[in-house]
Amino acid sequence: MSYDSNGDGKVDEKYYDKDGDGKWERSYYDVDHDGTIDLIGFHSDGTRVASSYE
């Protein structure tokens, strides 16, 4: 799933369910909206909110 959090027409959040079980495993965030990934989220419980970030 891709998301434009600030409405500028550019995707700045991406969520991945790599094994197809309906739970998110990883997400990528461009927090300053410059086109570069700043944070990687890990979803150990499968929900949209990451359990930890790198």
Protein backbone atom coordinates (compact mmCIF):
# COMPACT_ATOMS: atom_id res chain seq x y z
CA MET A 1 0.00 0.00 0.00
CA SER A 2 1.28 3.48 -0.84
CA TYR A 3 0.19 6.69 0.84
CA ASP A 4 0.64 10.43 0.23
CA SER A 5 0.51 11.84 3.76
CA ASN A 6 0.86 15.53 2.87
CA GLY A 7 -1.22 15.71 -0.31
CA ASP A 8 1.58 16.83 -2.64
CA GLY A 9 0.92 14.03 -5.14
CA LYS A 10 4.07 12.09 -4.18
CA VAL A 11 4.06 8.84 -2.22
CA ASP A 12 5.84 9.22 1.12
CA GLU A 13 4.73 6.06 2.95
CA LYS A 14 4.83 2.50 1.63
CA TYR A 15 3.64 -0.60 3.48
CA TYR A 16 4.52 -4.16 2.49
CA ASP A 17 2.92 -7.54 3.19
CA LYS A 18 5.61 -9.71 1.61
CA ASP A 19 4.15 -13.10 2.51
CA GLY A 20 0.53 -12.27 1.60
CA ASP A 21 -0.95 -13.08 5.00
CA GLY A 22 -2.75 -9.73 5.32
CA LYS A 23 -0.32 -8.35 7.93
CA TRP A 24 2.29 -5.66 7.30
CA GLU A 25 5.92 -6.69 7.76
CA ARG A 26 7.80 -3.56 6.73
CA SER A 27 7.17 0.05 5.85
CA TYR A 28 9.21 2.91 4.40
CA TYR A 29 8.80 6.59 5.22
CA ASP A 30 9.96 9.81 3.59
CA VAL A 31 9.36 12.02 6.64
CA ASP A 32 10.74 15.28 5.22
CA HIS A 33 9.10 14.80 1.78
CA ASP A 34 12.33 15.14 -0.22
CA GLY A 35 11.96 11.85 -2.13
CA THR A 36 14.42 9.88 0.04
CA ILE A 37 13.45 7.14 2.51
CA ASP A 38 14.30 8.34 6.04
CA LEU A 39 12.82 5.57 8.20
CA ILE A 40 12.17 1.85 7.86
CA GLY A 41 9.40 0.47 10.04
CA PHE A 42 9.17 -3.11 11.25
CA HIS A 43 5.72 -4.49 12.09
CA SER A 44 6.20 -7.48 14.41
CA ASP A 45 2.48 -7.54 15.26
CA GLY A 46 1.34 -6.99 11.64
CA THR A 47 -0.57 -3.76 12.30
CA ARG A 48 -0.14 -0.51 10.36
CA VAL A 49 1.78 1.17 13.21
CA ALA A 50 5.38 -0.05 13.22
CA SER A 51 6.70 -1.80 16.32
CA SER A 52 10.19 -0.39 15.77
CA TYR A 53 12.05 1.87 13.35
CA GLU A 54 15.48 1.93 11.86
